Amino acid sequence: MKLEEFLALRQGEDSVMKYLGHFHHLSQYAPDRVNTDAKKKEHFLRGLNPKLQKMMTVCPNVSFHEAVNIAISYEEKSRKHKEEKKKKS
């Protein structure tokens, strides 16, 4: 049951950090799905929201940890950009 939950895991409206927490928790129930860095990265990226997935296609040769850091950084920059736009309008 937890394996199915892991395979169906999606970021949705959660932050990358919250999604990452769920990802780490559920990945322990799917050791054969995350036993290499490439598999772990593939499953992590697959669950990101579509906007982040699209952005991450420009970074195909990064490790899992680098992908996580890039996604967190992009999300933070995007959030700050939206706040700045709100302030201006």
N, C-alpha and C. Protein backbone atom coordinates (compact mmCIF):
# COMPACT_ATOMS: atom_id res chain seq x y z
N MET A 1 0.83 -1.19 0.00
CA MET A 1 0.00 0.00 0.00
C MET A 1 0.88 1.26 0.00
N LYS A 2 1.93 1.27 0.83
CA LYS A 2 2.83 2.43 0.86
C LYS A 2 3.61 2.55 -0.44
N LEU A 3 3.93 1.42 -1.08
CA LEU A 3 4.60 1.47 -2.37
C LEU A 3 3.72 2.18 -3.39
N GLU A 4 2.44 1.84 -3.41
CA GLU A 4 1.51 2.49 -4.33
C GLU A 4 1.39 3.98 -4.02
N GLU A 5 1.41 4.31 -2.74
CA GLU A 5 1.35 5.71 -2.34
C GLU A 5 2.60 6.46 -2.84
N PHE A 6 3.75 5.80 -2.74
CA PHE A 6 5.00 6.40 -3.24
C PHE A 6 4.92 6.61 -4.75
N LEU A 7 4.46 5.61 -5.47
CA LEU A 7 4.39 5.69 -6.92
C LEU A 7 3.39 6.76 -7.39
N ALA A 8 2.39 7.03 -6.58
CA ALA A 8 1.38 8.02 -6.94
C ALA A 8 1.69 9.41 -6.38
N LEU A 9 2.78 9.54 -5.62
CA LEU A 9 3.11 10.80 -4.95
C LEU A 9 3.34 11.93 -5.96
N ARG A 10 2.67 13.06 -5.72
CA ARG A 10 2.82 14.25 -6.55
C ARG A 10 2.93 15.46 -5.63
N GLN A 11 3.64 16.46 -6.09
CA GLN A 11 3.83 17.68 -5.30
C GLN A 11 2.53 18.44 -5.11
N GLY A 12 1.78 18.56 -6.16
CA GLY A 12 0.53 19.32 -6.09
C GLY A 12 0.79 20.75 -5.68
N GLU A 13 0.08 21.24 -4.70
CA GLU A 13 0.23 22.62 -4.22
C GLU A 13 1.25 22.74 -3.09
N ASP A 14 1.84 21.62 -2.67
CA ASP A 14 2.83 21.64 -1.60
C ASP A 14 4.12 22.32 -2.05
N SER A 15 4.88 22.80 -1.09
CA SER A 15 6.20 23.33 -1.41
C SER A 15 7.11 22.16 -1.76
N VAL A 16 8.23 22.47 -2.39
CA VAL A 16 9.19 21.42 -2.72
C VAL A 16 9.68 20.75 -1.44
N MET A 17 9.90 21.53 -0.40
CA MET A 17 10.39 20.96 0.87
C MET A 17 9.38 19.98 1.47
N LYS A 18 8.11 20.34 1.43
CA LYS A 18 7.08 19.44 1.97
C LYS A 18 6.98 18.17 1.11
N TYR A 19 7.00 18.36 -0.20
CA TYR A 19 6.98 17.22 -1.11
C TYR A 19 8.20 16.32 -0.86
N LEU A 20 9.37 16.93 -0.66
CA LEU A 20 10.58 16.17 -0.40
C LEU A 20 10.46 15.35 0.88
N GLY A 21 9.85 15.92 1.89
CA GLY A 21 9.62 15.18 3.14
C GLY A 21 8.76 13.95 2.91
N HIS A 22 7.67 14.11 2.16
CA HIS A 22 6.81 12.96 1.84
C HIS A 22 7.59 11.95 0.99
N PHE A 23 8.36 12.46 0.05
CA PHE A 23 9.15 11.61 -0.83
C PHE A 23 10.11 10.74 -0.02
N HIS A 24 10.85 11.37 0.88
CA HIS A 24 11.80 10.61 1.70
C HIS A 24 11.09 9.58 2.58
N HIS A 25 9.98 9.99 3.18
CA HIS A 25 9.24 9.07 4.05
C HIS A 25 8.75 7.85 3.27
N LEU A 26 8.12 8.10 2.14
CA LEU A 26 7.53 6.99 1.38
C LEU A 26 8.57 6.17 0.61
N SER A 27 9.71 6.78 0.30
CA SER A 27 10.71 6.03 -0.48
C SER A 27 11.29 4.85 0.30
N GLN A 28 11.20 4.90 1.62
CA GLN A 28 11.69 3.77 2.41
C GLN A 28 10.87 2.50 2.15
N TYR A 29 9.68 2.66 1.62
CA TYR A 29 8.82 1.52 1.29
C TYR A 29 9.02 1.04 -0.15
N ALA A 30 9.93 1.71 -0.87
CA ALA A 30 10.19 1.36 -2.26
C ALA A 30 11.70 1.33 -2.52
N PRO A 31 12.44 0.54 -1.75
CA PRO A 31 13.90 0.58 -1.86
C PRO A 31 14.43 0.25 -3.26
N ASP A 32 13.76 -0.64 -3.97
CA ASP A 32 14.22 -1.00 -5.32
C ASP A 32 13.94 0.10 -6.34
N ARG A 33 13.09 1.05 -5.99
CA ARG A 33 12.76 2.16 -6.89
C ARG A 33 13.70 3.35 -6.70
N VAL A 34 14.45 3.35 -5.61
CA VAL A 34 15.34 4.48 -5.31
C VAL A 34 16.75 4.01 -4.91
N ASN A 35 17.14 2.84 -5.40
CA ASN A 35 18.43 2.29 -4.99
C ASN A 35 19.61 2.84 -5.78
N THR A 36 19.36 3.72 -6.74
CA THR A 36 20.44 4.44 -7.43
C THR A 36 20.06 5.92 -7.45
N ASP A 37 21.06 6.74 -7.61
CA ASP A 37 20.81 8.18 -7.67
C ASP A 37 19.90 8.52 -8.85
N ALA A 38 20.12 7.85 -9.98
CA ALA A 38 19.32 8.12 -11.17
C ALA A 38 17.84 7.77 -10.95
N LYS A 39 17.58 6.63 -10.33
CA LYS A 39 16.20 6.23 -10.07
C LYS A 39 15.53 7.19 -9.09
N LYS A 40 16.27 7.56 -8.06
CA LYS A 40 15.73 8.48 -7.06
C LYS A 40 15.38 9.81 -7.71
N LYS A 41 16.28 10.31 -8.53
CA LYS A 41 16.04 11.58 -9.22
C LYS A 41 14.84 11.47 -10.16
N GLU A 42 14.77 10.37 -10.89
CA GLU A 42 13.66 10.17 -11.83
C GLU A 42 12.31 10.22 -11.11
N HIS A 43 12.20 9.49 -10.00
CA HIS A 43 10.94 9.47 -9.26
C HIS A 43 10.63 10.82 -8.63
N PHE A 44 11.66 11.50 -8.14
CA PHE A 44 11.46 12.83 -7.55
C PHE A 44 10.95 13.81 -8.60
N LEU A 45 11.62 13.85 -9.75
CA LEU A 45 11.23 14.78 -10.81
C LEU A 45 9.83 14.47 -11.34
N ARG A 46 9.50 13.20 -11.44
CA ARG A 46 8.19 12.81 -11.96
C ARG A 46 7.06 13.35 -11.09
N GLY A 47 7.31 13.51 -9.80
CA GLY A 47 6.27 13.98 -8.89
C GLY A 47 6.17 15.49 -8.75
N LEU A 48 7.16 16.20 -9.28
CA LEU A 48 7.11 17.67 -9.19
C LEU A 48 5.94 18.23 -9.99
N ASN A 49 5.53 19.44 -9.65
CA ASN A 49 4.45 20.04 -10.43
C ASN A 49 4.95 20.30 -11.85
N PRO A 50 4.05 20.36 -12.82
CA PRO A 50 4.44 20.47 -14.24
C PRO A 50 5.37 21.64 -14.56
N LYS A 51 5.17 22.77 -13.90
CA LYS A 51 6.02 23.94 -14.16
C LYS A 51 7.47 23.64 -13.77
N LEU A 52 7.66 23.03 -12.61
CA LEU A 52 9.01 22.67 -12.18
C LEU A 52 9.59 21.56 -13.03
N GLN A 53 8.77 20.59 -13.42
CA GLN A 53 9.25 19.52 -14.30
C GLN A 53 9.80 20.10 -15.59
N LYS A 54 9.07 21.03 -16.15
CA LYS A 54 9.49 21.65 -17.41
C LYS A 54 10.81 22.39 -17.22
N MET A 55 10.92 23.15 -16.15
CA MET A 55 12.14 23.89 -15.87
C MET A 55 13.32 22.94 -15.66
N MET A 56 13.09 21.81 -15.04
CA MET A 56 14.18 20.88 -14.72
C MET A 56 14.71 20.15 -15.96
N THR A 57 14.02 20.22 -17.07
CA THR A 57 14.51 19.55 -18.28
C THR A 57 15.79 20.18 -18.80
N VAL A 58 16.09 21.40 -18.37
CA VAL A 58 17.34 22.04 -18.81
C VAL A 58 18.54 21.59 -17.98
N CYS A 59 18.31 20.73 -16.99
CA CYS A 59 19.38 20.23 -16.11
C CYS A 59 19.40 18.70 -16.11
N PRO A 60 19.62 18.06 -17.24
CA PRO A 60 19.48 16.60 -17.28
C PRO A 60 20.61 15.83 -16.59
N ASN A 61 21.77 16.42 -16.44
CA ASN A 61 22.92 15.66 -15.93
C ASN A 61 23.30 16.02 -14.50
N VAL A 62 22.30 16.31 -13.68
CA VAL A 62 22.58 16.63 -12.29
C VAL A 62 22.21 15.44 -11.40
N SER A 63 22.77 15.42 -10.21
CA SER A 63 22.47 14.37 -9.25
C SER A 63 21.11 14.63 -8.60
N PHE A 64 20.65 13.68 -7.82
CA PHE A 64 19.39 13.84 -7.09
C PHE A 64 19.47 15.07 -6.19
N HIS A 65 20.54 15.17 -5.41
CA HIS A 65 20.67 16.29 -4.47
C HIS A 65 20.76 17.63 -5.20
N GLU A 66 21.44 17.66 -6.32
CA GLU A 66 21.51 18.89 -7.11
C GLU A 66 20.13 19.25 -7.66
N ALA A 67 19.39 18.25 -8.11
CA ALA A 67 18.04 18.49 -8.64
C ALA A 67 17.13 19.06 -7.55
N VAL A 68 17.23 18.51 -6.35
CA VAL A 68 16.44 19.00 -5.22
C VAL A 68 16.81 20.46 -4.94
N ASN A 69 18.09 20.75 -4.88
CA ASN A 69 18.53 22.12 -4.59
C ASN A 69 18.09 23.10 -5.67
N ILE A 70 18.15 22.68 -6.93
CA ILE A 70 17.71 23.54 -8.03
C ILE A 70 16.21 23.80 -7.94
N ALA A 71 15.43 22.77 -7.65
CA ALA A 71 13.97 22.92 -7.54
C ALA A 71 13.61 23.85 -6.39
N ILE A 72 14.27 23.70 -5.25
CA ILE A 72 14.01 24.57 -4.10
C ILE A 72 14.37 26.01 -4.43
N SER A 73 15.52 26.20 -5.04
CA SER A 73 15.99 27.54 -5.41
C SER A 73 15.04 28.19 -6.40
N TYR A 74 14.64 27.45 -7.42
CA TYR A 74 13.72 27.99 -8.43
C TYR A 74 12.39 28.37 -7.80
N GLU A 75 11.89 27.51 -6.93
CA GLU A 75 10.61 27.79 -6.28
C GLU A 75 10.71 29.07 -5.43
N GLU A 76 11.80 29.23 -4.71
CA GLU A 76 12.00 30.41 -3.88
C GLU A 76 12.10 31.67 -4.74
N LYS A 77 12.85 31.61 -5.82
CA LYS A 77 12.98 32.77 -6.71
C LYS A 77 11.63 33.11 -7.35
N SER A 78 10.88 32.10 -7.70
CA SER A 78 9.56 32.31 -8.30
C SER A 78 8.62 32.96 -7.28
N ARG A 79 8.69 32.50 -6.04
CA ARG A 79 7.85 33.08 -4.98
C ARG A 79 8.21 34.55 -4.76
N LYS A 80 9.50 34.87 -4.71
CA LYS A 80 9.94 36.25 -4.51
C LYS A 80 9.52 37.13 -5.69
N HIS A 81 9.61 36.59 -6.89
CA HIS A 81 9.20 37.34 -8.08
C HIS A 81 7.71 37.68 -8.01
N LYS A 82 6.89 36.72 -7.60
CA LYS A 82 5.45 36.96 -7.48
C LYS A 82 5.17 38.03 -6.43
N GLU A 83 5.91 38.00 -5.32
CA GLU A 83 5.72 39.00 -4.27
C GLU A 83 6.08 40.39 -4.79
N GLU A 84 7.16 40.48 -5.55
CA GLU A 84 7.57 41.76 -6.11
C GLU A 84 6.53 42.30 -7.09
N LYS A 85 5.96 41.41 -7.89
CA LYS A 85 4.91 41.84 -8.83
C LYS A 85 3.69 42.36 -8.08
N LYS A 86 3.35 41.70 -6.96
CA LYS A 86 2.20 42.15 -6.16
C LYS A 86 2.46 43.54 -5.58
N LYS A 87 3.68 43.75 -5.10
CA LYS A 87 4.02 45.05 -4.51
C LYS A 87 3.93 46.17 -5.54
N LYS A 88 4.34 45.89 -6.76
CA LYS A 88 4.34 46.90 -7.81
C LYS A 88 2.93 47.25 -8.27
N SER A 89 2.02 46.28 -8.20
CA SER A 89 0.66 46.56 -8.70
C SER A 89 -0.29 46.96 -7.61
